[in-house]
Protein backbone atom coordinates (compact mmCIF):
# COMPACT_ATOMS: atom_id res chain seq x y z
CA MET A 1 0.00 0.00 0.00
CA SER A 2 1.19 3.53 -0.75
CA LYS A 3 3.09 5.49 1.88
CA LYS A 4 1.36 8.66 0.70
CA SER A 5 -1.15 10.24 3.04
CA ILE A 6 -4.80 9.55 2.31
CA TYR A 7 -5.16 13.19 1.23
CA GLU A 8 -2.37 12.76 -1.31
CA GLN A 9 -3.92 9.53 -2.57
CA LEU A 10 -7.38 11.02 -2.95
CA LYS A 11 -6.16 14.06 -4.85
CA HIS A 12 -6.37 11.71 -7.84
CA LEU A 13 -10.05 11.20 -6.99
CA PHE A 14 -11.01 14.82 -6.37
CA ASP A 15 -8.62 16.52 -8.82
CA PRO A 16 -8.05 14.04 -11.65
CA GLU A 17 -6.24 15.15 -14.79
CA ASN A 18 -7.53 12.20 -16.85
CA ILE A 19 -10.66 10.07 -16.41
CA ALA A 20 -11.57 6.78 -18.06
CA VAL A 21 -15.23 5.73 -18.12
CA ILE A 22 -15.29 1.94 -18.38
CA GLY A 23 -18.59 0.69 -19.68
CA ALA A 24 -19.24 3.93 -21.58
CA SER A 25 -22.26 3.69 -23.86
CA ASN A 26 -24.22 5.48 -26.57
CA ASN A 27 -27.44 4.26 -24.97
CA LYS A 28 -28.83 7.33 -23.23
CA MET A 29 -30.70 5.13 -20.76
CA LYS A 30 -27.51 3.61 -19.34
CA TRP A 31 -25.22 4.95 -16.65
CA GLY A 32 -22.36 4.51 -19.10
CA TYR A 33 -23.82 7.42 -21.05
CA ILE A 34 -25.37 9.45 -18.24
CA VAL A 35 -22.27 9.66 -16.01
CA PRO A 36 -19.80 10.86 -18.67
CA ALA A 37 -22.46 13.22 -20.03
CA ASN A 38 -22.75 14.72 -16.54
CA ILE A 39 -18.97 15.03 -16.33
CA LEU A 40 -18.85 16.98 -19.60
CA ALA A 41 -21.93 19.08 -18.86
CA GLY A 42 -20.49 20.01 -15.46
CA GLY A 43 -17.51 21.75 -17.04
CA TYR A 44 -14.69 19.28 -16.38
CA ASN A 45 -11.75 20.23 -18.62
CA GLY A 46 -9.42 17.27 -18.17
CA GLY A 47 -9.03 14.26 -20.41
CA LEU A 48 -12.09 11.99 -20.72
CA TYR A 49 -11.62 8.56 -22.30
CA PRO A 50 -14.62 6.28 -22.98
CA VAL A 51 -13.87 2.55 -22.79
CA ASN A 52 -16.11 0.01 -24.54
CA PRO A 53 -15.09 -2.90 -26.80
CA HIS A 54 -18.12 -2.44 -29.08
CA ASP A 55 -18.28 1.28 -30.02
CA GLU A 56 -15.96 3.62 -31.87
CA VAL A 57 -17.27 7.04 -30.79
CA ILE A 58 -19.19 8.06 -27.65
CA LEU A 59 -20.05 11.66 -26.81
CA GLU A 60 -17.87 12.72 -29.76
CA ARG A 61 -14.83 11.02 -28.24
CA LYS A 62 -12.75 8.15 -29.52
CA VAL A 63 -13.55 4.92 -27.69
CA TYR A 64 -10.91 2.45 -26.45
CA ARG A 65 -11.48 -1.28 -26.21
CA SER A 66 -9.70 -1.53 -22.87
CA VAL A 67 -8.45 0.91 -20.27
CA LYS A 68 -4.99 -0.51 -20.97
CA GLU A 69 -5.18 0.97 -24.48
CA VAL A 70 -5.82 4.53 -23.30
CA PRO A 71 -2.77 6.64 -24.32
CA ALA A 72 -2.59 8.60 -21.04
CA GLU A 73 -2.08 8.04 -17.33
CA ILE A 74 -5.45 7.62 -15.67
CA ASP A 75 -6.07 9.24 -12.31
CA LEU A 76 -9.68 8.13 -12.05
CA ALA A 77 -11.58 5.25 -13.62
CA VAL A 78 -15.38 5.30 -13.40
CA VAL A 79 -16.74 1.76 -13.77
CA THR A 80 -20.34 1.21 -14.91
CA VAL A 81 -20.20 -2.38 -16.19
CA PRO A 82 -22.45 -5.05 -14.58
CA ALA A 83 -21.20 -6.58 -11.33
CA PRO A 84 -19.97 -9.91 -12.83
CA ALA A 85 -17.60 -8.00 -15.15
CA VAL A 86 -16.19 -5.68 -12.48
CA LYS A 87 -13.51 -8.06 -11.23
CA GLY A 88 -11.87 -8.28 -14.65
CA VAL A 89 -12.08 -4.52 -15.14
CA ILE A 90 -10.43 -3.87 -11.77
CA GLN A 91 -7.60 -6.20 -12.72
CA GLU A 92 -7.04 -4.24 -15.93
CA CYS A 93 -7.10 -0.95 -14.01
CA VAL A 94 -4.42 -2.24 -11.65
CA GLU A 95 -2.29 -3.36 -14.59
CA LYS A 96 -2.74 0.04 -16.24
CA GLY A 97 -1.63 1.83 -13.08
CA VAL A 98 -4.92 3.66 -12.52
CA LYS A 99 -4.69 5.74 -9.31
CA THR A 100 -8.31 5.66 -8.12
CA CYS A 101 -11.47 3.89 -9.22
CA ILE A 102 -15.20 4.43 -8.64
CA VAL A 103 -17.42 1.37 -9.07
CA ILE A 104 -20.91 2.67 -9.79
CA SER A 105 -22.28 -0.84 -10.26
CA GLY A 106 -24.44 -2.49 -7.60
CA GLY A 107 -24.87 -6.20 -6.99
CA PHE A 108 -22.27 -6.73 -4.28
CA SER A 109 -22.43 -7.14 -0.50
CA GLU A 110 -25.72 -5.23 -0.29
CA THR A 111 -27.40 -8.15 -2.11
CA GLY A 112 -26.33 -11.07 0.05
CA GLU A 113 -23.81 -13.92 0.20
CA GLU A 114 -22.89 -14.17 -3.50
CA GLY A 115 -22.47 -10.43 -3.80
CA THR A 116 -20.33 -10.38 -0.67
CA LYS A 117 -18.07 -13.06 -2.13
CA LEU A 118 -17.64 -11.08 -5.36
CA GLU A 119 -16.88 -7.90 -3.43
CA ARG A 120 -14.25 -9.74 -1.41
CA GLU A 121 -12.61 -11.00 -4.61
CA VAL A 122 -12.49 -7.48 -6.02
CA THR A 123 -10.94 -6.16 -2.82
CA GLU A 124 -8.31 -8.92 -2.88
CA ILE A 125 -7.00 -7.60 -6.21
CA LEU A 126 -6.30 -4.25 -4.54
CA ARG A 127 -4.55 -5.64 -1.51
CA LYS A 128 -1.00 -5.58 -2.90
CA ASN A 129 -1.48 -2.57 -5.16
CA GLU A 130 -1.75 1.18 -4.71
CA MET A 131 -5.04 1.83 -6.49
CA ARG A 132 -7.85 3.01 -4.19
CA LEU A 133 -11.48 2.14 -4.81
CA VAL A 134 -14.72 4.03 -4.05
CA GLY A 135 -17.75 1.79 -3.61
CA PRO A 136 -18.95 -0.44 -5.13
CA ASN A 137 -22.65 0.48 -5.24
CA THR A 138 -22.05 4.22 -5.35
CA MET A 139 -23.48 7.24 -7.16
CA GLY A 140 -20.11 8.90 -7.66
CA VAL A 141 -18.23 12.02 -6.62
CA TYR A 142 -18.30 15.81 -6.99
CA SER A 143 -15.35 18.17 -6.65
CA ALA A 144 -15.65 21.94 -6.93
CA SER A 145 -11.95 22.59 -7.58
CA CYS A 146 -12.01 20.96 -11.03
CA SER A 147 -15.78 21.15 -11.75
CA LEU A 148 -16.03 17.37 -11.56
CA HIS A 149 -19.59 16.04 -11.59
CA ALA A 150 -18.95 12.29 -11.87
CA LEU A 151 -22.46 11.58 -10.60
CA MET A 152 -25.45 9.56 -11.72
CA PRO A 153 -28.08 12.34 -11.38
CA PRO A 154 -27.55 15.69 -13.18
CA VAL A 155 -26.83 17.63 -10.00
CA ARG A 156 -25.01 20.99 -10.13
CA PRO A 157 -23.98 21.89 -6.56
CA VAL A 158 -22.85 25.33 -5.44
CA ALA A 159 -19.11 25.50 -4.79
CA GLY A 160 -18.34 26.10 -1.13
CA LYS A 161 -16.48 24.97 1.98
CA ILE A 162 -18.30 21.77 3.03
CA GLY A 163 -16.87 18.30 2.37
CA PHE A 164 -19.70 15.76 2.37
CA ALA A 165 -19.45 11.97 2.58
CA ALA A 166 -22.68 9.96 2.48
CA GLN A 167 -23.53 6.27 2.68
CA SER A 168 -26.57 7.01 0.53
CA GLY A 169 -25.98 8.42 -2.92
CA ASN A 170 -29.63 9.20 -3.46
CA LEU A 171 -29.94 11.14 -0.21
CA GLY A 172 -26.54 12.74 -0.70
CA THR A 173 -27.15 14.05 -4.21
CA GLN A 174 -30.58 15.35 -3.24
CA MET A 175 -28.92 17.24 -0.39
CA LEU A 176 -26.58 18.78 -2.95
CA SER A 177 -29.61 19.94 -4.93
CA LEU A 178 -31.32 21.31 -1.84
CA GLY A 179 -28.08 23.03 -0.91
CA LYS A 180 -28.07 24.79 -4.25
CA ALA A 181 -31.58 26.11 -3.63
CA LEU A 182 -30.50 27.40 -0.21
CA GLY A 183 -27.08 28.69 -1.25
CA VAL A 184 -25.17 26.01 0.72
CA GLY A 185 -21.86 25.30 -1.00
CA PHE A 186 -19.76 22.13 -1.13
CA SER A 187 -16.06 21.60 -1.77
CA ARG A 188 -16.30 17.81 -2.24
CA PHE A 189 -18.95 15.11 -2.18
CA VAL A 190 -18.52 11.35 -2.26
CA CYS A 191 -21.08 8.57 -2.11
CA ILE A 192 -19.28 6.03 0.07
CA GLY A 193 -21.13 2.94 -1.16
CA ASN A 194 -20.22 -0.44 0.32
CA GLU A 195 -16.73 0.62 1.53
CA ALA A 196 -15.01 -2.40 0.07
CA ASP A 197 -11.73 -0.45 0.16
CA LEU A 198 -12.04 3.22 1.16
CA LYS A 199 -13.97 3.64 4.40
CA CYS A 200 -15.86 6.60 5.79
CA ALA A 201 -12.89 7.37 8.05
CA ASP A 202 -10.63 7.71 5.00
CA TYR A 203 -12.74 10.51 3.56
CA ILE A 204 -12.82 12.26 6.94
CA GLU A 205 -9.04 12.04 7.12
CA CYS A 206 -8.78 13.41 3.58
CA PHE A 207 -11.16 16.32 4.26
CA ALA A 208 -9.27 17.11 7.46
CA GLU A 209 -6.16 17.90 5.38
CA ASP A 210 -7.99 19.43 2.42
CA PRO A 211 -7.48 23.22 2.32
CA ALA A 212 -10.67 23.61 0.25
CA THR A 213 -12.77 22.06 3.04
CA GLU A 214 -13.60 23.86 6.29
CA VAL A 215 -16.58 21.81 7.49
CA ILE A 216 -17.11 18.04 7.25
CA LEU A 217 -20.63 16.66 6.81
CA LEU A 218 -21.48 12.96 7.17
CA TYR A 219 -24.53 10.83 6.53
CA ILE A 220 -23.87 7.36 7.89
CA GLU A 221 -25.95 4.24 8.45
CA GLY A 222 -23.24 2.11 10.06
CA ILE A 223 -19.53 2.16 10.87
CA LYS A 224 -16.94 -0.27 9.54
CA ASP A 225 -13.78 -0.50 11.65
CA ALA A 226 -15.21 1.58 14.48
CA ARG A 227 -11.87 1.88 16.30
CA HIS A 228 -10.20 3.50 13.28
CA PHE A 229 -13.23 5.73 12.74
CA ILE A 230 -13.06 7.03 16.32
CA GLU A 231 -9.31 7.62 16.08
CA VAL A 232 -9.61 9.61 12.85
CA VAL A 233 -12.57 11.70 14.00
CA SER A 234 -10.87 12.43 17.34
CA ARG A 235 -7.86 13.82 15.45
CA THR A 236 -10.09 15.82 13.11
CA THR A 237 -12.63 17.60 15.32
CA PRO A 238 -10.07 19.84 17.09
CA LYS A 239 -9.20 21.19 13.61
CA LYS A 240 -12.53 21.18 11.78
CA PRO A 241 -16.14 20.64 12.84
CA VAL A 242 -17.69 17.31 11.87
CA VAL A 243 -21.48 17.33 11.53
CA VAL A 244 -23.07 13.88 11.35
CA MET A 245 -26.51 12.41 10.82
CA LYS A 246 -26.67 8.80 11.93
CA ALA A 247 -29.57 6.84 10.43
CA GLY A 248 -30.59 3.27 11.22
CA LYS A 249 -31.14 3.88 14.93
CA THR A 250 -34.39 1.94 15.11
CA ASP A 251 -34.71 -1.79 14.38
CA ALA A 252 -36.57 -0.95 11.17
CA GLY A 253 -33.92 1.55 10.14
CA ALA A 254 -31.08 -0.84 10.89
CA LYS A 255 -32.74 -3.54 8.78
CA ALA A 256 -33.19 -1.09 5.90
CA ALA A 257 -29.54 -0.03 6.20
CA ARG A 258 -28.29 -3.60 5.84
CA SER A 259 -30.26 -4.09 2.63
CA HIS A 260 -29.26 -0.68 1.29
CA SER A 261 -25.52 -0.44 1.82
CA ALA A 262 -24.63 -3.54 3.81
CA ALA A 263 -24.03 -1.21 6.77
CA LEU A 264 -24.04 -2.64 10.28
CA ALA A 265 -25.83 -0.03 12.37
CA ALA A 266 -24.26 0.81 15.71
CA ASP A 267 -26.36 0.70 18.88
CA GLU A 268 -27.75 4.17 19.62
CA ALA A 269 -26.26 4.31 23.12
CA ILE A 270 -22.85 3.33 21.75
CA PHE A 271 -23.06 5.94 19.02
CA ASN A 272 -24.04 8.62 21.53
CA GLY A 273 -20.89 7.72 23.44
CA VAL A 274 -18.86 8.10 20.26
CA LEU A 275 -20.35 11.57 19.71
CA LYS A 276 -19.43 12.67 23.21
CA GLN A 277 -15.92 11.21 22.98
CA THR A 278 -15.03 12.63 19.58
CA GLY A 279 -16.77 16.02 19.56
CA MET A 280 -18.87 15.40 16.45
CA ILE A 281 -22.03 17.50 16.21
CA GLU A 282 -25.17 15.44 15.58
CA ALA A 283 -27.94 16.52 13.24
CA ASP A 284 -31.25 14.82 14.01
CA THR A 285 -32.77 15.42 10.58
CA THR A 286 -31.65 15.98 7.01
CA GLU A 287 -32.87 19.55 7.38
CA GLU A 288 -30.55 20.07 10.34
CA MET A 289 -27.61 18.67 8.40
CA LEU A 290 -27.63 21.66 6.07
CA ASP A 291 -28.71 24.13 8.76
CA ILE A 292 -25.75 23.31 10.98
CA ALA A 293 -23.14 22.75 8.29
CA LYS A 294 -23.83 26.06 6.54
CA ALA A 295 -23.56 27.94 9.84
CA PHE A 296 -20.16 26.40 10.58
CA ALA A 297 -19.05 27.44 7.08
CA ALA A 298 -20.27 31.04 7.37
CA THR A 299 -20.16 32.31 10.96
CA PRO A 300 -17.72 32.62 13.86
CA LEU A 301 -18.22 30.43 16.92
CA PRO A 302 -19.87 32.04 19.95
CA LYS A 303 -17.59 32.47 22.95
CA GLY A 304 -20.49 31.79 25.31
CA ASN A 305 -24.21 31.06 25.43
CA ARG A 306 -25.51 34.63 25.92
CA VAL A 307 -27.76 35.74 23.06
CA GLY A 308 -29.16 39.10 22.00
CA VAL A 309 -32.32 39.08 19.88
CA LEU A 310 -33.50 41.82 17.51
CA THR A 311 -37.07 41.39 16.29
CA TRP A 312 -39.45 43.36 14.10
CA GLY A 313 -42.40 42.16 16.19
CA GLY A 314 -42.88 41.06 19.78
CA GLY A 315 -44.49 37.66 19.17
CA TRP A 316 -41.52 36.27 17.31
CA GLY A 317 -39.28 37.47 20.09
CA VAL A 318 -41.26 35.40 22.60
CA VAL A 319 -41.03 32.33 20.37
CA THR A 320 -37.28 32.85 20.03
CA ALA A 321 -36.86 33.19 23.79
CA ASP A 322 -38.54 29.80 24.27
CA ALA A 323 -36.39 28.22 21.56
CA LEU A 324 -33.18 29.55 23.10
CA ALA A 325 -34.12 28.28 26.56
CA LYS A 326 -34.96 24.85 25.14
CA HIS A 327 -31.40 24.51 23.85
CA GLY A 328 -29.60 25.83 26.90
CA LEU A 329 -28.92 29.31 25.53
CA GLU A 330 -29.39 32.43 27.66
CA LEU A 331 -31.50 35.41 26.62
CA VAL A 332 -29.07 37.77 28.31
CA GLU A 333 -30.14 40.86 30.26
CA LEU A 334 -28.77 43.91 28.45
CA PRO A 335 -26.80 46.42 30.55
CA GLU A 336 -28.18 49.90 31.15
CA ASP A 337 -25.68 51.65 28.87
CA THR A 338 -26.77 49.42 25.98
CA LEU A 339 -30.44 50.17 26.71
CA LYS A 340 -29.70 53.88 26.73
CA ARG A 341 -28.06 53.68 23.33
CA LEU A 342 -31.13 51.86 22.02
CA ASP A 343 -33.37 54.53 23.63
CA GLU A 344 -31.78 57.08 21.31
CA ILE A 345 -32.98 55.13 18.26
CA LEU A 346 -36.27 53.45 19.16
CA PRO A 347 -39.64 55.01 20.06
CA PRO A 348 -40.15 55.81 23.77
CA TYR A 349 -42.68 52.98 24.08
CA TRP A 350 -40.28 50.16 23.16
CA SER A 351 -39.98 47.40 25.77
CA ARG A 352 -36.44 48.25 26.95
CA GLY A 353 -35.35 44.63 27.18
CA ASN A 354 -34.08 41.61 25.34
CA PRO A 355 -35.53 40.68 22.82
CA VAL A 356 -35.12 44.17 21.41
CA ASP A 357 -38.51 44.81 19.84
CA LEU A 358 -38.39 47.25 16.92
CA VAL A 359 -42.15 47.73 17.38
CA GLY A 360 -42.73 47.65 13.64
CA THR A 361 -40.24 50.43 12.87
CA LEU A 362 -40.11 50.85 9.08
CA ASP A 363 -36.94 52.93 8.97
CA LEU A 364 -34.43 50.22 8.14
CA SER A 365 -31.49 52.42 9.06
CA LYS A 366 -32.68 52.02 12.65
CA HIS A 367 -32.58 48.24 12.20
CA PHE A 368 -28.96 48.57 11.17
CA ALA A 369 -28.13 50.79 14.13
CA CYS A 370 -29.82 48.50 16.67
CA LEU A 371 -28.09 45.45 15.23
CA GLU A 372 -24.72 47.16 15.63
CA ILE A 373 -25.44 48.15 19.23
CA ILE A 374 -26.50 44.60 20.18
CA ALA A 375 -23.58 42.94 18.38
CA ASN A 376 -21.10 45.22 20.18
CA CYS A 377 -22.68 44.72 23.58
CA PRO A 378 -20.00 43.09 25.80
CA VAL A 379 -22.42 40.65 27.46
CA VAL A 380 -23.75 39.34 24.12
CA ASP A 381 -21.98 36.31 22.56
CA ALA A 382 -24.31 35.85 19.57
CA VAL A 383 -27.18 37.62 17.85
CA ILE A 384 -30.40 36.41 16.24
CA THR A 385 -32.09 39.01 14.05
CA LEU A 386 -35.69 38.36 13.02
CA GLY A 387 -37.67 39.68 10.08
CA THR A 388 -35.47 42.32 8.48
CA MET A 389 -33.46 40.24 6.05
CA GLY A 390 -35.66 38.65 3.43
CA ALA A 391 -38.29 41.40 3.50
CA THR A 392 -38.29 41.28 -0.29
CA SER A 393 -39.40 37.65 -0.26
CA SER A 394 -42.16 38.24 2.29
CA PHE A 395 -43.51 41.34 0.57
CA GLN A 396 -43.32 39.99 -2.96
CA SER A 397 -44.91 36.62 -2.19
CA PHE A 398 -47.75 38.25 -0.19
CA VAL A 399 -48.59 41.00 -2.66
CA LEU A 400 -47.78 39.38 -5.98
CA GLU A 401 -48.65 35.76 -5.23
CA GLY A 402 -50.58 35.57 -1.96
CA PRO A 403 -54.22 36.08 -0.95
CA ALA A 404 -54.03 39.86 -1.40
CA ALA A 405 -52.99 39.60 -5.04
CA GLU A 406 -56.50 39.61 -6.54
CA GLU A 407 -57.75 42.45 -4.36
CA LEU A 408 -54.73 44.56 -5.19
CA SER A 409 -54.73 43.79 -8.89
CA GLN A 410 -56.39 47.12 -9.76
CA ILE A 411 -53.96 49.31 -7.83
CA LYS A 412 -50.85 47.19 -8.23
CA PRO A 413 -49.58 49.08 -11.29
CA ARG A 414 -49.70 52.35 -9.36
CA VAL A 415 -48.43 51.17 -6.00
CA ILE A 416 -46.16 48.22 -6.60
CA THR A 417 -43.41 49.16 -8.97
CA SER A 418 -40.31 47.32 -10.00
CA GLU A 419 -38.32 50.22 -8.53
CA PHE A 420 -39.84 49.57 -5.11
CA LEU A 421 -39.05 45.87 -5.22
CA GLN A 422 -35.53 46.68 -6.36
CA GLN A 423 -35.21 49.01 -3.39
CA LEU A 424 -36.24 46.21 -1.04
CA MET A 425 -33.71 43.88 -2.62
CA ALA A 426 -31.05 46.55 -2.24
CA THR A 427 -31.96 46.75 1.45
CA ASP A 428 -31.52 42.99 1.76
CA GLU A 429 -28.10 43.29 0.19
CA ALA A 430 -27.12 46.17 2.47
CA TYR A 431 -28.29 44.23 5.54
CA ARG A 432 -26.30 41.22 4.38
CA ASN A 433 -23.19 43.37 4.05
CA GLU A 434 -23.80 44.85 7.49
CA VAL A 435 -24.09 41.39 9.03
CA MET A 436 -20.83 40.35 7.38
CA ARG A 437 -19.09 43.51 8.62
CA LEU A 438 -20.27 43.08 12.18
CA MET A 439 -19.33 39.39 12.30
CA SER A 440 -15.85 40.31 11.07
CA GLU A 441 -15.43 43.16 13.57
CA THR A 442 -16.95 41.47 16.63
CA ASP A 443 -16.07 37.82 15.90
CA LYS A 444 -19.61 36.91 16.96
CA PRO A 445 -22.15 34.83 15.01
CA ILE A 446 -25.19 36.69 13.66
CA ILE A 447 -28.05 34.47 12.54
CA ALA A 448 -30.89 35.89 10.48
CA VAL A 449 -34.45 34.61 10.41
CA SER A 450 -36.73 35.47 7.51
CA PHE A 451 -40.42 34.71 7.15
CA PRO A 452 -41.20 34.14 3.45
CA THR A 453 -44.97 33.70 3.26
CA SER A 454 -44.90 31.21 0.40
CA GLY A 455 -41.64 29.44 1.14
CA ALA A 456 -40.12 31.13 -1.89
CA ILE A 457 -36.38 31.71 -1.93
CA THR A 458 -35.33 35.00 -3.48
CA PRO A 459 -31.86 35.48 -4.99
CA MET A 460 -30.93 37.28 -1.77
CA LEU A 461 -31.93 34.34 0.41
CA ALA A 462 -30.05 31.94 -1.81
CA ARG A 463 -26.78 33.86 -1.36
CA GLN A 464 -25.87 32.25 1.93
CA SER A 465 -22.22 31.41 1.45
CA GLU A 466 -21.32 34.19 3.92
CA VAL A 467 -24.57 34.86 5.79
CA VAL A 468 -26.98 32.26 7.15
CA ILE A 469 -30.75 32.75 7.02
CA TYR A 470 -33.37 30.40 8.46
CA PRO A 471 -37.15 30.36 7.93
CA SER A 472 -37.95 29.99 11.64
CA PRO A 473 -36.42 31.04 14.99
CA GLU A 474 -36.53 27.42 16.18
CA ARG A 475 -34.11 26.38 13.44
CA GLY A 476 -31.91 29.38 14.11
CA ALA A 477 -31.75 28.62 17.84
CA LYS A 478 -31.01 24.92 17.28
CA THR A 479 -28.16 25.83 14.95
CA LEU A 480 -26.73 28.39 17.35
CA ALA A 481 -26.79 25.71 20.07
CA ALA A 482 -24.74 23.43 17.80
CA LEU A 483 -22.15 26.18 17.30
CA TYR A 484 -21.95 26.67 21.06
CA GLU A 485 -21.66 22.93 21.68
CA TYR A 486 -18.64 22.79 19.37
CA ARG A 487 -17.08 25.83 21.07
CA ARG A 488 -17.41 24.08 24.44
CA PHE A 489 -15.74 20.98 22.97
CA LEU A 490 -12.80 23.06 21.72
CA ASP A 491 -12.49 24.77 25.10
CA ARG A 492 -12.35 21.40 26.85
CA GLN A 493 -9.64 20.27 24.45
CA LYS A 494 -7.51 23.30 25.41
CA VAL A 495 -7.61 22.45 29.11
CA GLY A 496 -7.21 18.73 28.52
CA VAL A 497 -10.63 17.69 29.82
């Protein structure tokens, strides 16, 4: 086996100069056509070599009968042939000197005893060689650095800072799509598959050293070589946050996991112990996976659990207070000098407390000023701001699409102009810039909550690579609690606890 680090080995996977697609096809209903078509459509500019003994041209490229005939060094081979033919293909890849290989094909250990035997035979070929193998039974990889979309579905993720490894390709690629809609960006993605060779821990170790990755996101159904997994994660979490969703906790889920990816689900109590020992942050739902990961990628960590809340209306402030308390966060009492500064901006009838209620103030410059005062307050470790950012989405969906649309249809041309909507969007952009400035100056997380009435995502809301926006205070509070949990873990590491 190579003495190179796993990061050096997997550079051939995530930044390949030349790719061979073995089992390439002109049949548009086969993965041998769909996967290379996705690679080309995604903007990959390296060499792409179709391999098929029966065709001469595929996707306007010369076809080679065997990978051994390709006149270039191959960093990555993507294998789409049926399971019984995979063993012979892997042998040819080893003889060619291919660096890494993805086996898209299913029909291995996830199917039972015969498939397990075949998978073992494939793995045996690799044992004395340096080639690394992803899968089998995988949906491929994505890498932002070289615009590589070696995936089965036509997904186009947003480039970002999150490295994502998933034991479910279907779930993983759909999360990439959802991330695009929400402005959540990824540096790398890999569908782990059956882990015949490369294990989940290997990808974690790679992402830990990857300068393009700042946050590691995992979807796992079971752990192979648990001891190694714990060792790798324990080395990684002091350097980068690891957010994990563990499925297969129930008997039904564990049974489904075994049939899906041959994963052996860990007992829930054992896994909870692993979380506590290693400092991973658990997401309970797929929704939370993106919520938490995008916050780690975009905001500083809070130094404590004291929160200041700015709200456009009192009711949402009450809801936020409950959500913060539920997650062990403190709605801090603001000092008198801070209240006096707010008195100079807000009407005399404001509540003079935390949450800071803007009492429906329409002058958005006052929103900006209050946000700055709260963020700079010395007893505040983090800020949640409700209702200001995303006003464009709320207004547009209510007036142009919502229940008021018909009633306002006669006056809309006079009252609702494109200039007014553009002004609202400009306000969103200015508020976004203000949040970024204050986070940079104060080193405190600022989490925005918007309330789009139709669930619509405006271009502003989708630009979340540097600012995080949630559709409810409950989700914002849960995410802030995850940031604080990781801060506490890092603090314990410093004192050796």
